[in-house]
Amino acid sequence: MEPSWKAVKTVKVEAKPTGYWNLVIDYIPGSRLLRFALLTKDAQGQPVPTFWNPAAGMQAGADGTNFTTAKSGLLSGGACYGALIGKIGGSSADIPDASQPTTPYGSKRVFAVGSRCVISLGASDGGPLFLTMNDNPEGFLNHSGALHVQIEEYGT
């Protein structure tokens, strides 16, 4: 049975946020499903960009690019370079802790969003919701553009 999704928010995710992560929701409670979808049109039905730029002369969609870069330096090793990624918990300044290879973000949850994603939140998984482009911290100076994303929920 298909869940009955409820719209939470439509957001513009800047490729070059203040810090490394765009705060999109101050607090999202646990015990629910979250669904993310890349939008191709705004609320007025006008086309919006579906690509952003991780570097000058380079485009990437929400699913990233096949440009080869060391995954060890990216904010998320679980997503392609340039992909849309999300994080629950922490702050806009979080970067992975290289000294913790198995849990580089501690208790924060980092996940690939891409152009479409559904994640399940356990009862204790609530926190602020952040979205950003997957890149190494030094690469953020070169970013430009934005993606528009719809966030929906199903749960309590």
Protein backbone atom coordinates (compact mmCIF):
# COMPACT_ATOMS: atom_id res chain seq x y z
CA MET A 1 0.00 0.00 0.00
CA GLU A 2 1.33 3.42 -1.00
CA PRO A 3 1.78 5.78 1.98
CA SER A 4 -0.37 8.90 2.11
CA TRP A 5 2.33 11.57 1.77
CA LYS A 6 1.94 15.03 3.31
CA ALA A 7 3.87 18.00 1.91
CA VAL A 8 6.34 19.42 4.43
CA LYS A 9 8.30 22.00 2.47
CA THR A 10 9.62 22.99 -0.93
CA VAL A 11 13.14 24.38 -0.68
CA LYS A 12 15.81 25.96 -2.83
CA VAL A 13 19.10 24.26 -2.01
CA GLU A 14 22.01 26.59 -2.70
CA ALA A 15 25.19 25.01 -4.06
CA LYS A 16 27.21 27.54 -2.06
CA PRO A 17 25.51 27.82 1.35
CA THR A 18 26.74 29.72 4.37
CA GLY A 19 28.83 26.98 5.94
CA TYR A 20 28.65 23.62 4.17
CA TRP A 21 25.01 22.67 4.72
CA ASN A 22 21.71 24.46 3.97
CA LEU A 23 19.38 24.31 6.97
CA VAL A 24 16.01 23.42 5.44
CA ILE A 25 13.97 22.44 8.51
CA ASP A 26 14.82 23.51 12.08
CA TYR A 27 13.60 20.21 13.53
CA ILE A 28 12.13 17.08 11.97
CA PRO A 29 10.81 14.55 14.48
CA GLY A 30 11.57 10.83 14.27
CA SER A 31 9.13 7.96 13.66
CA ARG A 32 8.31 8.82 10.05
CA LEU A 33 9.29 8.41 6.44
CA LEU A 34 10.73 11.37 4.53
CA ARG A 35 10.50 11.58 0.76
CA PHE A 36 12.65 13.96 -1.32
CA ALA A 37 12.08 14.77 -5.00
CA LEU A 38 14.01 17.07 -7.33
CA LEU A 39 11.62 19.58 -8.89
CA THR A 40 11.69 20.67 -12.52
CA LYS A 41 9.11 23.48 -12.06
CA ASP A 42 8.39 26.05 -9.35
CA ALA A 43 5.02 26.75 -7.70
CA GLN A 44 4.03 28.93 -10.68
CA GLY A 45 4.82 26.15 -13.16
CA GLN A 46 7.97 27.85 -14.43
CA PRO A 47 11.04 25.68 -15.20
CA VAL A 48 13.79 25.64 -12.56
CA PRO A 49 17.37 24.42 -13.00
CA THR A 50 17.99 20.69 -12.57
CA PHE A 51 21.77 21.10 -12.62
CA TRP A 52 24.22 22.99 -10.43
CA ASN A 53 27.93 23.65 -10.80
CA PRO A 54 30.53 22.06 -8.49
CA ALA A 55 33.27 23.91 -10.41
CA ALA A 56 33.54 26.41 -13.25
CA GLY A 57 32.54 24.77 -16.53
CA MET A 58 31.21 21.63 -14.84
CA GLN A 59 27.58 20.64 -14.31
CA ALA A 60 26.13 18.00 -12.02
CA GLY A 61 22.57 16.91 -11.47
CA ALA A 62 21.10 15.82 -8.15
CA ASP A 63 22.49 12.32 -8.74
CA GLY A 64 26.01 13.71 -9.14
CA THR A 65 28.51 13.28 -11.92
CA ASN A 66 30.86 10.50 -12.94
CA PHE A 67 33.83 12.86 -12.56
CA THR A 68 36.38 10.86 -10.59
CA THR A 69 37.49 12.36 -7.32
CA ALA A 70 38.70 10.77 -4.09
CA LYS A 71 35.60 9.79 -2.10
CA SER A 72 37.58 10.03 1.13
CA GLY A 73 37.55 13.83 0.96
CA LEU A 74 33.84 14.25 0.17
CA LEU A 75 31.23 15.21 2.76
CA SER A 76 29.59 11.83 2.04
CA GLY A 77 31.50 8.79 0.83
CA GLY A 78 28.13 7.20 0.05
CA ALA A 79 27.23 9.51 -2.85
CA CYS A 80 28.79 10.67 -6.12
CA TYR A 81 30.67 13.93 -6.46
CA GLY A 82 28.20 16.80 -6.97
CA ALA A 83 25.16 14.81 -5.77
CA LEU A 84 22.47 16.20 -3.48
CA ILE A 85 23.01 14.83 0.04
CA GLY A 86 21.21 15.27 3.35
CA LYS A 87 21.99 15.22 7.05
CA ILE A 88 19.88 14.99 10.18
CA GLY A 89 21.42 16.53 13.26
CA GLY A 90 24.45 18.72 13.81
CA SER A 91 25.12 22.11 12.29
CA SER A 92 25.74 23.92 9.01
CA ALA A 93 29.50 23.73 9.68
CA ASP A 94 29.80 19.91 10.03
CA ILE A 95 32.46 18.07 8.06
CA PRO A 96 33.48 14.42 8.49
CA ASP A 97 35.93 13.57 11.27
CA ALA A 98 38.68 11.68 9.42
CA SER A 99 39.88 10.15 12.70
CA GLN A 100 36.57 8.23 12.93
CA PRO A 101 36.42 6.12 9.74
CA THR A 102 33.36 4.09 10.78
CA THR A 103 31.27 6.98 12.15
CA PRO A 104 32.76 10.15 10.62
CA TYR A 105 29.76 12.27 11.73
CA GLY A 106 29.26 10.69 15.16
CA SER A 107 25.53 10.43 15.91
CA LYS A 108 24.48 12.58 12.92
CA ARG A 109 22.88 10.78 9.99
CA VAL A 110 24.23 11.59 6.50
CA PHE A 111 22.55 10.12 3.41
CA ALA A 112 22.43 10.40 -0.39
CA VAL A 113 19.30 12.17 -1.65
CA GLY A 114 19.91 12.35 -5.39
CA SER A 115 16.91 13.18 -7.56
CA ARG A 116 14.57 10.96 -5.52
CA CYS A 117 14.90 9.44 -2.07
CA VAL A 118 12.84 7.93 0.75
CA ILE A 119 14.41 7.48 4.18
CA SER A 120 12.98 6.00 7.35
CA LEU A 121 13.52 7.80 10.65
CA GLY A 122 13.47 5.84 13.88
CA ALA A 123 11.96 7.30 17.06
CA SER A 124 15.29 8.80 18.16
CA ASP A 125 16.37 10.07 14.70
CA GLY A 126 14.88 13.58 14.93
CA GLY A 127 16.88 16.77 14.52
CA PRO A 128 17.55 19.65 12.15
CA LEU A 129 17.46 18.70 8.45
CA PHE A 130 20.23 19.94 6.17
CA LEU A 131 20.83 19.52 2.41
CA THR A 132 23.91 20.31 0.31
CA MET A 133 26.09 19.34 -2.65
CA ASN A 134 28.54 16.49 -2.09
CA ASP A 135 32.07 17.82 -2.43
CA ASN A 136 35.19 18.21 -0.33
CA PRO A 137 35.12 21.30 1.94
CA GLU A 138 37.75 23.14 -0.15
CA GLY A 139 35.60 22.79 -3.29
CA PHE A 140 32.67 24.83 -1.92
CA LEU A 141 34.35 28.10 -2.99
CA ASN A 142 33.82 27.05 -6.64
CA HIS A 143 30.11 26.13 -6.40
CA SER A 144 27.28 27.96 -8.11
CA GLY A 145 23.60 27.37 -8.80
CA ALA A 146 20.79 25.79 -6.83
CA LEU A 147 18.33 22.90 -6.96
CA HIS A 148 14.68 22.94 -5.93
CA VAL A 149 13.51 20.03 -3.78
CA GLN A 150 10.14 18.94 -2.43
CA ILE A 151 10.11 17.27 0.99
CA GLU A 152 7.16 15.13 2.10
CA GLU A 153 6.50 12.98 5.16
CA TYR A 154 4.47 9.98 6.15
CA GLY A 155 4.06 9.07 9.80
CA THR A 156 2.80 10.24 13.13
